[in-house]
């Protein structure tokens, strides 16, 4: 059994395996960078995505889901791009790649990942809704990705713990309590470092790092939106125990965004459908 601390072992995994552990998909990352170029064409986007057959299949499945689907089934990537547009397909590629990562052979980890996926999907979809309905329409896709990726540090840590427990040379066994403590202590910083390592835009790295800090930059609207969705998930018990006493309209995030109580109430009503969509995708 290793004499190193669990944190030291996780750090070793970060340095050695962060590009091998299936937290990000290389093609999905390249699609994001292509979209950021602002010169991307439909052919470039579809050619790039088709390098990964599993991702292509997953994108088509999600594009035809009840949330994204139209009356006619989409059979090709070019059809998905025509229906949804380049920006949404790029977000869809990231979501589909993330969805494939939320799997584990270990039952306890699989349950955690299922809960984590629900929070990620609800935060992403809820953030997009706020952006589209509360004066941030131009930032809707960025808000979606910010919500989707803000807890990627937790996903990485769960993958790393799985790998360590499966490594007979290391001989690690972790309890639920130790896992909770590790996630609470490290997931923000690990998420930030992952975003930087993968060269994603700074706004996503800052959201991963600062979504639980006691105070935040009220001018950073993407961060405020994701933080608010975190409060919504906690109040409603999405992927965690609920805290129904939270007054969402009184949070610093809601006030920074200038949200009215009726807008927050509309969002809360839609959360149940978002949770159902998330479960249906797994």
C-alpha atoms as a PDB file:
ATOM      1  CA  UNK A   1       0.000   0.000   0.000  1.00  0.00           C
ATOM      2  CA  UNK A   2       1.268   3.458  -0.890  1.00  0.00           C
ATOM      3  CA  UNK A   3       2.648   5.592   1.954  1.00  0.00           C
ATOM      4  CA  UNK A   4       1.737   8.796   0.122  1.00  0.00           C
ATOM      5  CA  UNK A   5      -1.270  10.869   1.164  1.00  0.00           C
ATOM      6  CA  UNK A   6      -4.447  10.644  -0.885  1.00  0.00           C
ATOM      7  CA  UNK A   7      -4.017  14.263  -1.959  1.00  0.00           C
ATOM      8  CA  UNK A   8      -0.476  13.524  -3.154  1.00  0.00           C
ATOM      9  CA  UNK A   9      -1.730  10.517  -5.131  1.00  0.00           C
ATOM     10  CA  UNK A  10      -4.476  12.618  -6.735  1.00  0.00           C
ATOM     11  CA  UNK A  11      -1.937  15.303  -7.642  1.00  0.00           C
ATOM     12  CA  UNK A  12       0.199  12.634  -9.304  1.00  0.00           C
ATOM     13  CA  UNK A  13      -2.836  11.555 -11.345  1.00  0.00           C
ATOM     14  CA  UNK A  14      -3.466  15.157 -12.318  1.00  0.00           C
ATOM     15  CA  UNK A  15       0.082  15.599 -13.579  1.00  0.00           C
ATOM     16  CA  UNK A  16       0.267  12.227 -15.311  1.00  0.00           C
ATOM     17  CA  UNK A  17      -3.251  11.349 -16.416  1.00  0.00           C
ATOM     18  CA  UNK A  18      -5.403  14.470 -16.677  1.00  0.00           C
ATOM     19  CA  UNK A  19      -5.388  14.130 -20.447  1.00  0.00           C
ATOM     20  CA  UNK A  20      -6.113  10.385 -20.288  1.00  0.00           C
ATOM     21  CA  UNK A  21      -8.901  10.327 -17.713  1.00  0.00           C
ATOM     22  CA  UNK A  22     -12.117  10.798 -19.710  1.00  0.00           C
ATOM     23  CA  UNK A  23     -13.132  14.163 -18.296  1.00  0.00           C
ATOM     24  CA  UNK A  24     -12.788  16.154 -21.497  1.00  0.00           C
ATOM     25  CA  UNK A  25     -13.027  14.916 -25.043  1.00  0.00           C
ATOM     26  CA  UNK A  26     -10.284  16.123 -27.402  1.00  0.00           C
ATOM     27  CA  UNK A  27     -12.672  16.532 -30.337  1.00  0.00           C
ATOM     28  CA  UNK A  28     -15.208  18.445 -28.224  1.00  0.00           C
ATOM     29  CA  UNK A  29     -12.434  20.787 -27.079  1.00  0.00           C
ATOM     30  CA  UNK A  30     -11.287  21.338 -30.673  1.00  0.00           C
ATOM     31  CA  UNK A  31     -14.894  22.079 -31.650  1.00  0.00           C
ATOM     32  CA  UNK A  32     -15.020  24.781 -28.964  1.00  0.00           C
ATOM     33  CA  UNK A  33     -11.814  26.327 -30.287  1.00  0.00           C
ATOM     34  CA  UNK A  34     -13.125  26.190 -33.873  1.00  0.00           C
ATOM     35  CA  UNK A  35     -16.290  27.980 -32.779  1.00  0.00           C
ATOM     36  CA  UNK A  36     -14.239  30.669 -31.017  1.00  0.00           C
ATOM     37  CA  UNK A  37     -12.433  31.369 -34.313  1.00  0.00           C
ATOM     38  CA  UNK A  38     -15.637  33.079 -35.577  1.00  0.00           C
ATOM     39  CA  UNK A  39     -14.826  31.837 -39.104  1.00  0.00           C
ATOM     40  CA  UNK A  40     -16.061  28.289 -38.600  1.00  0.00           C
ATOM     41  CA  UNK A  41     -18.167  26.748 -41.351  1.00  0.00           C
ATOM     42  CA  UNK A  42     -20.693  23.944 -41.150  1.00  0.00           C
ATOM     43  CA  UNK A  43     -18.407  21.628 -43.152  1.00  0.00           C
ATOM     44  CA  UNK A  44     -15.442  22.300 -40.865  1.00  0.00           C
ATOM     45  CA  UNK A  45     -17.583  21.644 -37.805  1.00  0.00           C
ATOM     46  CA  UNK A  46     -19.080  18.380 -39.078  1.00  0.00           C
ATOM     47  CA  UNK A  47     -15.745  17.077 -40.415  1.00  0.00           C
ATOM     48  CA  UNK A  48     -14.107  17.695 -37.049  1.00  0.00           C
ATOM     49  CA  UNK A  49     -16.876  16.046 -35.010  1.00  0.00           C
ATOM     50  CA  UNK A  50     -16.974  12.990 -37.279  1.00  0.00           C
ATOM     51  CA  UNK A  51     -13.428  12.105 -36.204  1.00  0.00           C
ATOM     52  CA  UNK A  52     -15.046  10.659 -33.066  1.00  0.00           C
ATOM     53  CA  UNK A  53     -17.746   8.143 -33.959  1.00  0.00           C
ATOM     54  CA  UNK A  54     -18.945   7.688 -30.374  1.00  0.00           C
ATOM     55  CA  UNK A  55     -19.300  11.451 -29.958  1.00  0.00           C
ATOM     56  CA  UNK A  56     -21.074  11.739 -33.314  1.00  0.00           C
ATOM     57  CA  UNK A  57     -23.571   9.075 -32.306  1.00  0.00           C
ATOM     58  CA  UNK A  58     -24.176  10.728 -28.929  1.00  0.00           C
ATOM     59  CA  UNK A  59     -24.706  14.164 -30.508  1.00  0.00           C
ATOM     60  CA  UNK A  60     -27.329  12.783 -32.889  1.00  0.00           C
ATOM     61  CA  UNK A  61     -29.042  11.021 -29.980  1.00  0.00           C
ATOM     62  CA  UNK A  62     -29.204  14.215 -27.921  1.00  0.00           C
ATOM     63  CA  UNK A  63     -30.138  16.369 -30.928  1.00  0.00           C
ATOM     64  CA  UNK A  64     -33.182  14.124 -31.371  1.00  0.00           C
ATOM     65  CA  UNK A  65     -34.092  14.171 -27.672  1.00  0.00           C
ATOM     66  CA  UNK A  66     -37.314  15.765 -26.494  1.00  0.00           C
ATOM     67  CA  UNK A  67     -35.405  18.887 -25.427  1.00  0.00           C
ATOM     68  CA  UNK A  68     -33.623  19.600 -28.713  1.00  0.00           C
ATOM     69  CA  UNK A  69     -35.652  17.599 -31.225  1.00  0.00           C
ATOM     70  CA  UNK A  70     -38.073  18.968 -33.780  1.00  0.00           C
ATOM     71  CA  UNK A  71     -40.917  17.205 -35.536  1.00  0.00           C
ATOM     72  CA  UNK A  72     -38.554  15.474 -37.984  1.00  0.00           C
ATOM     73  CA  UNK A  73     -35.718  13.209 -36.876  1.00  0.00           C
ATOM     74  CA  UNK A  74     -32.168  14.406 -37.611  1.00  0.00           C
ATOM     75  CA  UNK A  75     -30.045  11.653 -39.181  1.00  0.00           C
ATOM     76  CA  UNK A  76     -26.846  13.565 -39.996  1.00  0.00           C
ATOM     77  CA  UNK A  77     -24.517  15.990 -38.285  1.00  0.00           C
ATOM     78  CA  UNK A  78     -25.069  18.547 -41.036  1.00  0.00           C
ATOM     79  CA  UNK A  79     -28.785  18.256 -40.325  1.00  0.00           C
ATOM     80  CA  UNK A  80     -28.132  18.895 -36.638  1.00  0.00           C
ATOM     81  CA  UNK A  81     -26.032  21.963 -37.488  1.00  0.00           C
ATOM     82  CA  UNK A  82     -28.759  23.288 -39.786  1.00  0.00           C
ATOM     83  CA  UNK A  83     -31.392  22.789 -37.090  1.00  0.00           C
ATOM     84  CA  UNK A  84     -29.451  24.086 -34.129  1.00  0.00           C
ATOM     85  CA  UNK A  85     -26.724  26.352 -35.528  1.00  0.00           C
ATOM     86  CA  UNK A  86     -22.954  26.215 -35.028  1.00  0.00           C
ATOM     87  CA  UNK A  87     -22.939  27.625 -31.503  1.00  0.00           C
ATOM     88  CA  UNK A  88     -25.524  25.203 -30.159  1.00  0.00           C
ATOM     89  CA  UNK A  89     -23.895  22.222 -31.880  1.00  0.00           C
ATOM     90  CA  UNK A  90     -20.570  23.182 -30.298  1.00  0.00           C
ATOM     91  CA  UNK A  91     -22.290  23.279 -26.896  1.00  0.00           C
ATOM     92  CA  UNK A  92     -24.034  20.025 -27.721  1.00  0.00           C
ATOM     93  CA  UNK A  93     -20.686  18.388 -28.552  1.00  0.00           C
ATOM     94  CA  UNK A  94     -19.331  19.402 -25.172  1.00  0.00           C
ATOM     95  CA  UNK A  95     -22.457  18.218 -23.403  1.00  0.00           C
ATOM     96  CA  UNK A  96     -22.453  14.879 -25.250  1.00  0.00           C
ATOM     97  CA  UNK A  97     -18.784  14.340 -24.445  1.00  0.00           C
ATOM     98  CA  UNK A  98     -19.389  15.203 -20.793  1.00  0.00           C
ATOM     99  CA  UNK A  99     -22.351  12.859 -20.682  1.00  0.00           C
ATOM    100  CA  UNK A 100     -20.145   9.960 -21.804  1.00  0.00           C
ATOM    101  CA  UNK A 101     -17.753  10.733 -18.947  1.00  0.00           C
ATOM    102  CA  UNK A 102     -20.355  10.415 -16.186  1.00  0.00           C
ATOM    103  CA  UNK A 103     -20.077   6.639 -15.980  1.00  0.00           C
ATOM    104  CA  UNK A 104     -18.373   4.284 -13.562  1.00  0.00           C
ATOM    105  CA  UNK A 105     -18.233   0.537 -12.954  1.00  0.00           C
ATOM    106  CA  UNK A 106     -18.084   1.209  -9.195  1.00  0.00           C
ATOM    107  CA  UNK A 107     -21.645   1.424  -7.856  1.00  0.00           C
ATOM    108  CA  UNK A 108     -21.042   4.113  -5.227  1.00  0.00           C
ATOM    109  CA  UNK A 109     -19.176   6.294  -7.738  1.00  0.00           C
ATOM    110  CA  UNK A 110     -21.815   5.701 -10.409  1.00  0.00           C
ATOM    111  CA  UNK A 111     -24.501   6.997  -8.044  1.00  0.00           C
ATOM    112  CA  UNK A 112     -22.456  10.108  -7.272  1.00  0.00           C
ATOM    113  CA  UNK A 113     -21.826  10.697 -10.962  1.00  0.00           C
ATOM    114  CA  UNK A 114     -25.532  10.372 -11.719  1.00  0.00           C
ATOM    115  CA  UNK A 115     -26.278  13.059  -9.124  1.00  0.00           C
ATOM    116  CA  UNK A 116     -23.411  15.212 -10.396  1.00  0.00           C
ATOM    117  CA  UNK A 117     -24.695  14.929 -13.965  1.00  0.00           C
ATOM    118  CA  UNK A 118     -28.159  16.081 -12.861  1.00  0.00           C
ATOM    119  CA  UNK A 119     -26.647  19.175 -11.237  1.00  0.00           C
ATOM    120  CA  UNK A 120     -24.436  19.868 -14.266  1.00  0.00           C
ATOM    121  CA  UNK A 121     -27.317  19.574 -16.721  1.00  0.00           C
ATOM    122  CA  UNK A 122     -29.742  21.618 -14.613  1.00  0.00           C
ATOM    123  CA  UNK A 123     -27.115  24.319 -14.030  1.00  0.00           C
ATOM    124  CA  UNK A 124     -26.353  24.411 -17.778  1.00  0.00           C
ATOM    125  CA  UNK A 125     -29.976  24.478 -18.958  1.00  0.00           C
ATOM    126  CA  UNK A 126     -31.078  26.850 -16.192  1.00  0.00           C
ATOM    127  CA  UNK A 127     -28.181  29.204 -16.898  1.00  0.00           C
ATOM    128  CA  UNK A 128     -29.100  29.310 -20.566  1.00  0.00           C
ATOM    129  CA  UNK A 129     -32.735  30.062 -19.646  1.00  0.00           C
ATOM    130  CA  UNK A 130     -31.717  32.943 -17.404  1.00  0.00           C
ATOM    131  CA  UNK A 131     -29.435  34.357 -20.098  1.00  0.00           C
ATOM    132  CA  UNK A 132     -32.145  34.130 -22.762  1.00  0.00           C
ATOM    133  CA  UNK A 133     -34.896  35.580 -20.581  1.00  0.00           C
ATOM    134  CA  UNK A 134     -33.132  38.092 -18.373  1.00  0.00           C
ATOM    135  CA  UNK A 135     -31.205  40.359 -20.711  1.00  0.00           C
ATOM    136  CA  UNK A 136     -28.146  38.223 -21.471  1.00  0.00           C
ATOM    137  CA  UNK A 137     -29.271  36.579 -24.712  1.00  0.00           C
ATOM    138  CA  UNK A 138     -25.904  37.085 -26.407  1.00  0.00           C
ATOM    139  CA  UNK A 139     -24.222  35.103 -23.630  1.00  0.00           C
ATOM    140  CA  UNK A 140     -26.674  32.190 -23.597  1.00  0.00           C
ATOM    141  CA  UNK A 141     -24.300  29.522 -24.937  1.00  0.00           C
ATOM    142  CA  UNK A 142     -21.448  30.730 -22.721  1.00  0.00           C
ATOM    143  CA  UNK A 143     -23.816  30.544 -19.741  1.00  0.00           C
ATOM    144  CA  UNK A 144     -24.781  27.005 -20.766  1.00  0.00           C
ATOM    145  CA  UNK A 145     -21.140  25.855 -20.893  1.00  0.00           C
ATOM    146  CA  UNK A 146     -20.290  27.679 -17.687  1.00  0.00           C
ATOM    147  CA  UNK A 147     -23.053  25.785 -15.869  1.00  0.00           C
ATOM    148  CA  UNK A 148     -22.164  22.492 -17.530  1.00  0.00           C
ATOM    149  CA  UNK A 149     -18.460  22.636 -16.663  1.00  0.00           C
ATOM    150  CA  UNK A 150     -18.355  24.446 -13.328  1.00  0.00           C
ATOM    151  CA  UNK A 151     -18.113  21.218 -11.278  1.00  0.00           C
ATOM    152  CA  UNK A 152     -15.778  19.362 -13.651  1.00  0.00           C
ATOM    153  CA  UNK A 153     -13.263  19.247 -10.813  1.00  0.00           C
ATOM    154  CA  UNK A 154     -15.607  16.867  -8.973  1.00  0.00           C
ATOM    155  CA  UNK A 155     -15.860  14.679 -12.060  1.00  0.00           C
ATOM    156  CA  UNK A 156     -12.081  14.530 -12.382  1.00  0.00           C
ATOM    157  CA  UNK A 157     -11.629  13.669  -8.708  1.00  0.00           C
ATOM    158  CA  UNK A 158     -14.186  10.848  -8.877  1.00  0.00           C
ATOM    159  CA  UNK A 159     -12.428   9.470 -11.956  1.00  0.00           C
ATOM    160  CA  UNK A 160      -9.067   9.745 -10.225  1.00  0.00           C
ATOM    161  CA  UNK A 161     -10.347   7.952  -7.107  1.00  0.00           C
ATOM    162  CA  UNK A 162     -11.776   5.192  -9.294  1.00  0.00           C
ATOM    163  CA  UNK A 163      -8.403   4.772 -10.999  1.00  0.00           C
ATOM    164  CA  UNK A 164      -6.551   4.726  -7.679  1.00  0.00           C
ATOM    165  CA  UNK A 165      -8.913   2.141  -6.167  1.00  0.00           C
ATOM    166  CA  UNK A 166      -8.478  -0.065  -9.240  1.00  0.00           C
ATOM    167  CA  UNK A 167      -4.674   0.189  -9.110  1.00  0.00           C
ATOM    168  CA  UNK A 168      -3.463  -2.821  -7.096  1.00  0.00           C
ATOM    169  CA  UNK A 169       0.008  -1.293  -6.774  1.00  0.00           C
ATOM    170  CA  UNK A 170      -1.434   1.697  -4.884  1.00  0.00           C
ATOM    171  CA  UNK A 171      -3.828  -0.237  -2.664  1.00  0.00           C
ATOM    172  CA  UNK A 172      -6.143   2.690  -1.908  1.00  0.00           C
ATOM    173  CA  UNK A 173      -9.594   2.285  -0.362  1.00  0.00           C
ATOM    174  CA  UNK A 174     -11.700   5.391   0.307  1.00  0.00           C
ATOM    175  CA  UNK A 175     -14.843   5.810   2.384  1.00  0.00           C
ATOM    176  CA  UNK A 176     -17.820   7.982   1.499  1.00  0.00           C
ATOM    177  CA  UNK A 177     -16.732  10.489   4.157  1.00  0.00           C
ATOM    178  CA  UNK A 178     -13.207  10.738   2.781  1.00  0.00           C
ATOM    179  CA  UNK A 179     -14.594  11.193  -0.732  1.00  0.00           C
ATOM    180  CA  UNK A 180     -16.857  14.012   0.490  1.00  0.00           C
ATOM    181  CA  UNK A 181     -13.954  15.721   2.223  1.00  0.00           C
ATOM    182  CA  UNK A 182     -11.688  15.413  -0.816  1.00  0.00           C
ATOM    183  CA  UNK A 183     -14.325  16.784  -3.200  1.00  0.00           C
ATOM    184  CA  UNK A 184     -15.096  19.666  -0.859  1.00  0.00           C
ATOM    185  CA  UNK A 185     -11.444  20.577  -0.394  1.00  0.00           C
ATOM    186  CA  UNK A 186     -10.130  20.182  -3.942  1.00  0.00           C
ATOM    187  CA  UNK A 187     -12.794  20.340  -6.643  1.00  0.00           C
ATOM    188  CA  UNK A 188     -12.751  24.107  -7.190  1.00  0.00           C
ATOM    189  CA  UNK A 189      -8.999  24.380  -7.600  1.00  0.00           C
ATOM    190  CA  UNK A 190      -8.709  21.177  -9.649  1.00  0.00           C
ATOM    191  CA  UNK A 191     -11.508  22.403 -11.949  1.00  0.00           C
ATOM    192  CA  UNK A 192      -9.717  25.730 -12.444  1.00  0.00           C
ATOM    193  CA  UNK A 193      -6.418  24.011 -13.218  1.00  0.00           C
ATOM    194  CA  UNK A 194      -8.094  21.640 -15.669  1.00  0.00           C
ATOM    195  CA  UNK A 195      -9.663  24.541 -17.578  1.00  0.00           C
ATOM    196  CA  UNK A 196      -6.308  26.303 -17.773  1.00  0.00           C
ATOM    197  CA  UNK A 197      -4.529  23.131 -18.837  1.00  0.00           C
ATOM    198  CA  UNK A 198      -7.062  22.535 -21.594  1.00  0.00           C
ATOM    199  CA  UNK A 199      -6.862  26.191 -22.681  1.00  0.00           C
ATOM    200  CA  UNK A 200     -10.570  26.859 -22.349  1.00  0.00           C
ATOM    201  CA  UNK A 201     -11.629  30.534 -22.071  1.00  0.00           C
ATOM    202  CA  UNK A 202     -10.756  32.230 -18.783  1.00  0.00           C
ATOM    203  CA  UNK A 203     -14.416  32.813 -17.878  1.00  0.00           C
ATOM    204  CA  UNK A 204     -15.010  29.064 -17.460  1.00  0.00           C
ATOM    205  CA  UNK A 205     -11.854  28.622 -15.370  1.00  0.00           C
ATOM    206  CA  UNK A 206     -12.903  31.452 -13.045  1.00  0.00           C
ATOM    207  CA  UNK A 207     -16.391  29.989 -12.632  1.00  0.00           C
ATOM    208  CA  UNK A 208     -14.917  26.580 -11.750  1.00  0.00           C
ATOM    209  CA  UNK A 209     -12.667  28.230  -9.157  1.00  0.00           C
ATOM    210  CA  UNK A 210     -15.036  30.813  -7.658  1.00  0.00           C
ATOM    211  CA  UNK A 211     -18.517  29.287  -7.684  1.00  0.00           C
ATOM    212  CA  UNK A 212     -18.417  28.586  -3.926  1.00  0.00           C
ATOM    213  CA  UNK A 213     -16.347  31.530  -2.642  1.00  0.00           C
ATOM    214  CA  UNK A 214     -18.022  33.668   0.087  1.00  0.00           C
ATOM    215  CA  UNK A 215     -17.825  36.777  -2.105  1.00  0.00           C
ATOM    216  CA  UNK A 216     -17.565  37.267  -5.845  1.00  0.00           C
ATOM    217  CA  UNK A 217     -17.205  39.898  -8.561  1.00  0.00           C
ATOM    218  CA  UNK A 218     -20.778  41.134  -9.095  1.00  0.00           C
ATOM    219  CA  UNK A 219     -19.824  42.393 -12.562  1.00  0.00           C
ATOM    220  CA  UNK A 220     -19.038  38.824 -13.674  1.00  0.00           C
ATOM    221  CA  UNK A 221     -22.524  37.903 -14.869  1.00  0.00           C
ATOM    222  CA  UNK A 222     -21.655  34.393 -16.071  1.00  0.00           C
ATOM    223  CA  UNK A 223     -20.274  33.589 -12.646  1.00  0.00           C
ATOM    224  CA  UNK A 224     -23.352  35.097 -10.969  1.00  0.00           C
ATOM    225  CA  UNK A 225     -25.690  33.017 -13.160  1.00  0.00           C
ATOM    226  CA  UNK A 226     -23.893  29.740 -12.403  1.00  0.00           C
ATOM    227  CA  UNK A 227     -23.687  30.529  -8.696  1.00  0.00           C
ATOM    228  CA  UNK A 228     -27.425  31.249  -8.648  1.00  0.00           C
ATOM    229  CA  UNK A 229     -28.162  27.882 -10.307  1.00  0.00           C
ATOM    230  CA  UNK A 230     -26.015  26.224  -7.665  1.00  0.00           C
ATOM    231  CA  UNK A 231     -28.295  27.815  -5.036  1.00  0.00           C
ATOM    232  CA  UNK A 232     -31.366  26.661  -6.979  1.00  0.00           C
ATOM    233  CA  UNK A 233     -30.071  23.071  -7.083  1.00  0.00           C
ATOM    234  CA  UNK A 234     -29.324  23.158  -3.356  1.00  0.00           C
ATOM    235  CA  UNK A 235     -32.753  24.554  -2.478  1.00  0.00           C
ATOM    236  CA  UNK A 236     -34.572  21.982  -4.620  1.00  0.00           C
ATOM    237  CA  UNK A 237     -32.295  19.056  -3.785  1.00  0.00           C
ATOM    238  CA  UNK A 238     -31.043  18.432  -7.315  1.00  0.00           C
ATOM    239  CA  UNK A 239     -28.364  15.747  -6.934  1.00  0.00           C
ATOM    240  CA  UNK A 240     -28.027  16.496  -3.199  1.00  0.00           C
ATOM    241  CA  UNK A 241     -30.017  16.952  -0.007  1.00  0.00           C
ATOM    242  CA  UNK A 242     -32.408  19.901  -0.276  1.00  0.00           C
ATOM    243  CA  UNK A 243     -32.325  23.100   1.749  1.00  0.00           C
ATOM    244  CA  UNK A 244     -35.834  24.523   1.183  1.00  0.00           C
ATOM    245  CA  UNK A 245     -35.265  27.547   3.451  1.00  0.00           C
ATOM    246  CA  UNK A 246     -32.967  29.251   0.931  1.00  0.00           C
ATOM    247  CA  UNK A 247     -34.491  32.557  -0.224  1.00  0.00           C
ATOM    248  CA  UNK A 248     -33.273  32.706  -3.813  1.00  0.00           C
ATOM    249  CA  UNK A 249     -34.447  36.255  -4.500  1.00  0.00           C
ATOM    250  CA  UNK A 250     -32.431  37.471  -1.503  1.00  0.00           C
ATOM    251  CA  UNK A 251     -29.150  35.955  -2.674  1.00  0.00           C
ATOM    252  CA  UNK A 252     -26.353  38.272  -3.762  1.00  0.00           C
ATOM    253  CA  UNK A 253     -26.371  36.486  -7.142  1.00  0.00           C
ATOM    254  CA  UNK A 254     -30.044  37.213  -7.875  1.00  0.00           C
ATOM    255  CA  UNK A 255     -29.601  40.814  -6.825  1.00  0.00           C
ATOM    256  CA  UNK A 256     -26.450  41.217  -8.926  1.00  0.00           C
ATOM    257  CA  UNK A 257     -28.414  39.961 -11.954  1.00  0.00           C
ATOM    258  CA  UNK A 258     -31.424  42.133 -11.156  1.00  0.00           C
ATOM    259  CA  UNK A 259     -33.807  39.158 -11.216  1.00  0.00           C
ATOM    260  CA  UNK A 260     -37.373  39.577 -10.043  1.00  0.00           C
ATOM    261  CA  UNK A 261     -39.102  37.017  -7.817  1.00  0.00           C
ATOM    262  CA  UNK A 262     -41.470  36.020 -10.638  1.00  0.00           C
ATOM    263  CA  UNK A 263     -38.508  35.188 -12.911  1.00  0.00           C
ATOM    264  CA  UNK A 264     -36.961  33.008 -10.236  1.00  0.00           C
ATOM    265  CA  UNK A 265     -40.315  31.331  -9.614  1.00  0.00           C
ATOM    266  CA  UNK A 266     -40.578  30.560 -13.364  1.00  0.00           C
ATOM    267  CA  UNK A 267     -37.125  29.006 -13.271  1.00  0.00           C
ATOM    268  CA  UNK A 268     -37.993  26.845 -10.261  1.00  0.00           C
ATOM    269  CA  UNK A 269     -41.079  25.518 -12.039  1.00  0.00           C
ATOM    270  CA  UNK A 270     -38.951  24.299 -14.968  1.00  0.00           C
ATOM    271  CA  UNK A 271     -36.336  22.521 -12.866  1.00  0.00           C
ATOM    272  CA  UNK A 272     -38.372  19.323 -12.492  1.00  0.00           C
ATOM    273  CA  UNK A 273     -38.507  18.918 -16.288  1.00  0.00           C
ATOM    274  CA  UNK A 274     -34.758  19.582 -16.530  1.00  0.00           C
ATOM    275  CA  UNK A 275     -34.058  16.859 -13.952  1.00  0.00           C
ATOM    276  CA  UNK A 276     -36.210  14.424 -15.941  1.00  0.00           C
ATOM    277  CA  UNK A 277     -34.300  15.308 -19.130  1.00  0.00           C
ATOM    278  CA  UNK A 278     -30.986  14.748 -17.375  1.00  0.00           C
ATOM    279  CA  UNK A 279     -32.048  11.314 -16.104  1.00  0.00           C
ATOM    280  CA  UNK A 280     -33.343  10.315 -19.547  1.00  0.00           C
ATOM    281  CA  UNK A 281     -29.969  11.090 -21.140  1.00  0.00           C
ATOM    282  CA  UNK A 282     -27.929   8.756 -18.916  1.00  0.00           C
END
